[in-house]
C-alpha atoms as a PDB file:
ATOM      1  CA  UNK A   1       0.000   0.000   0.000  1.00  0.00           C
ATOM      2  CA  UNK A   2       1.698   3.207  -1.111  1.00  0.00           C
ATOM      3  CA  UNK A   3       1.808   6.242   1.170  1.00  0.00           C
ATOM      4  CA  UNK A   4       0.853   9.495  -0.478  1.00  0.00           C
ATOM      5  CA  UNK A   5       2.749  12.350   1.216  1.00  0.00           C
ATOM      6  CA  UNK A   6       1.506  15.647  -0.073  1.00  0.00           C
ATOM      7  CA  UNK A   7       3.048  19.048   0.242  1.00  0.00           C
ATOM      8  CA  UNK A   8       0.108  20.105   2.428  1.00  0.00           C
ATOM      9  CA  UNK A   9       0.715  17.160   4.776  1.00  0.00           C
ATOM     10  CA  UNK A  10       4.378  18.152   5.131  1.00  0.00           C
ATOM     11  CA  UNK A  11       3.383  21.792   5.870  1.00  0.00           C
ATOM     12  CA  UNK A  12       0.997  20.597   8.589  1.00  0.00           C
ATOM     13  CA  UNK A  13       3.715  18.445  10.125  1.00  0.00           C
ATOM     14  CA  UNK A  14       6.177  21.338  10.034  1.00  0.00           C
ATOM     15  CA  UNK A  15       3.591  23.604  11.707  1.00  0.00           C
ATOM     16  CA  UNK A  16       3.078  21.005  14.437  1.00  0.00           C
ATOM     17  CA  UNK A  17       6.831  20.677  14.947  1.00  0.00           C
ATOM     18  CA  UNK A  18       7.138  24.472  15.192  1.00  0.00           C
ATOM     19  CA  UNK A  19       4.275  24.663  17.725  1.00  0.00           C
ATOM     20  CA  UNK A  20       5.694  21.830  19.827  1.00  0.00           C
ATOM     21  CA  UNK A  21       9.180  23.364  19.767  1.00  0.00           C
ATOM     22  CA  UNK A  22       7.829  26.698  21.031  1.00  0.00           C
ATOM     23  CA  UNK A  23       5.729  24.947  23.671  1.00  0.00           C
ATOM     24  CA  UNK A  24       8.769  22.964  24.791  1.00  0.00           C
ATOM     25  CA  UNK A  25      10.825  26.154  25.135  1.00  0.00           C
ATOM     26  CA  UNK A  26       8.073  27.803  27.144  1.00  0.00           C
ATOM     27  CA  UNK A  27       7.710  24.809  29.461  1.00  0.00           C
ATOM     28  CA  UNK A  28      11.477  24.595  29.915  1.00  0.00           C
ATOM     29  CA  UNK A  29      11.531  28.263  30.977  1.00  0.00           C
ATOM     30  CA  UNK A  30       8.680  27.596  33.410  1.00  0.00           C
ATOM     31  CA  UNK A  31      10.521  24.622  34.940  1.00  0.00           C
ATOM     32  CA  UNK A  32      13.711  26.681  35.250  1.00  0.00           C
ATOM     33  CA  UNK A  33      11.781  29.442  37.000  1.00  0.00           C
ATOM     34  CA  UNK A  34      10.140  26.947  39.352  1.00  0.00           C
ATOM     35  CA  UNK A  35      13.500  25.363  40.165  1.00  0.00           C
ATOM     36  CA  UNK A  36      14.850  28.815  41.054  1.00  0.00           C
ATOM     37  CA  UNK A  37      11.837  29.476  43.275  1.00  0.00           C
ATOM     38  CA  UNK A  38      12.277  26.102  44.973  1.00  0.00           C
ATOM     39  CA  UNK A  39      15.946  26.856  45.640  1.00  0.00           C
ATOM     40  CA  UNK A  40      15.040  30.236  47.150  1.00  0.00           C
ATOM     41  CA  UNK A  41      12.318  28.697  49.314  1.00  0.00           C
ATOM     42  CA  UNK A  42      14.689  25.978  50.526  1.00  0.00           C
ATOM     43  CA  UNK A  43      17.180  28.689  51.510  1.00  0.00           C
ATOM     44  CA  UNK A  44      14.442  30.565  53.367  1.00  0.00           C
ATOM     45  CA  UNK A  45      13.467  27.363  55.183  1.00  0.00           C
ATOM     46  CA  UNK A  46      17.085  26.787  56.234  1.00  0.00           C
ATOM     47  CA  UNK A  47      17.362  30.361  57.534  1.00  0.00           C
ATOM     48  CA  UNK A  48      14.080  30.119  59.430  1.00  0.00           C
ATOM     49  CA  UNK A  49      15.116  26.809  60.998  1.00  0.00           C
ATOM     50  CA  UNK A  50      18.389  28.385  62.143  1.00  0.00           C
ATOM     51  CA  UNK A  51      16.495  31.342  63.593  1.00  0.00           C
ATOM     52  CA  UNK A  52      14.044  29.024  65.332  1.00  0.00           C
ATOM     53  CA  UNK A  53      16.899  27.034  66.869  1.00  0.00           C
ATOM     54  CA  UNK A  54      18.548  30.248  68.083  1.00  0.00           C
ATOM     55  CA  UNK A  55      15.263  31.533  69.486  1.00  0.00           C
ATOM     56  CA  UNK A  56      14.619  28.229  71.257  1.00  0.00           C
ATOM     57  CA  UNK A  57      18.063  28.303  72.841  1.00  0.00           C
ATOM     58  CA  UNK A  58      17.661  31.967  73.771  1.00  0.00           C
ATOM     59  CA  UNK A  59      14.225  31.302  75.262  1.00  0.00           C
ATOM     60  CA  UNK A  60      15.603  28.466  77.345  1.00  0.00           C
ATOM     61  CA  UNK A  61      18.513  30.579  78.578  1.00  0.00           C
ATOM     62  CA  UNK A  62      16.207  33.519  79.277  1.00  0.00           C
ATOM     63  CA  UNK A  63      13.810  31.275  81.179  1.00  0.00           C
ATOM     64  CA  UNK A  64      16.645  29.934  83.334  1.00  0.00           C
ATOM     65  CA  UNK A  65      17.956  33.440  84.000  1.00  0.00           C
ATOM     66  CA  UNK A  66      14.516  34.766  84.946  1.00  0.00           C
ATOM     67  CA  UNK A  67      13.869  31.814  87.251  1.00  0.00           C
ATOM     68  CA  UNK A  68      17.269  32.282  88.889  1.00  0.00           C
ATOM     69  CA  UNK A  69      16.748  36.020  89.274  1.00  0.00           C
ATOM     70  CA  UNK A  70      13.297  35.602  90.797  1.00  0.00           C
ATOM     71  CA  UNK A  71      14.504  32.928  93.216  1.00  0.00           C
ATOM     72  CA  UNK A  72      17.399  35.165  94.357  1.00  0.00           C
ATOM     73  CA  UNK A  73      15.063  38.111  94.867  1.00  0.00           C
ATOM     74  CA  UNK A  74      12.732  35.926  96.881  1.00  0.00           C
ATOM     75  CA  UNK A  75      15.595  34.769  99.103  1.00  0.00           C
ATOM     76  CA  UNK A  76      17.075  38.221  99.748  1.00  0.00           C
ATOM     77  CA  UNK A  77      13.888  40.215 100.301  1.00  0.00           C
ATOM     78  CA  UNK A  78      12.800  40.436 103.920  1.00  0.00           C
ATOM     79  CA  UNK A  79       9.081  40.487 104.511  1.00  0.00           C
ATOM     80  CA  UNK A  80       7.901  43.984 105.329  1.00  0.00           C
ATOM     81  CA  UNK A  81       5.359  44.949 107.937  1.00  0.00           C
ATOM     82  CA  UNK A  82       1.790  44.022 107.257  1.00  0.00           C
ATOM     83  CA  UNK A  83      -0.492  46.823 106.221  1.00  0.00           C
ATOM     84  CA  UNK A  84      -2.779  46.170 109.187  1.00  0.00           C
ATOM     85  CA  UNK A  85       0.057  46.654 111.651  1.00  0.00           C
ATOM     86  CA  UNK A  86       1.022  50.020 110.082  1.00  0.00           C
ATOM     87  CA  UNK A  87      -2.503  51.407 110.227  1.00  0.00           C
ATOM     88  CA  UNK A  88      -2.956  50.227 113.841  1.00  0.00           C
ATOM     89  CA  UNK A  89       0.229  51.916 115.046  1.00  0.00           C
END
């Protein structure tokens, strides 16, 4: 069975190839852009994790310091006179 390839058929194929080539270029650019965005987001995640770790450590240290400070104040402060005893004097 012979295949009849016409000039019109070849033009249609060439148009399809041209369309698919342009679409491929566009999709490649989109993928490249998405890869760049992913890289930037991964960097942001790393920075936020580092900040979170620092904040957690700082919060723990601050909590210990506050607890220590409050306990030392409680130990060194002498109880003052009661308000009732001042007004009755």
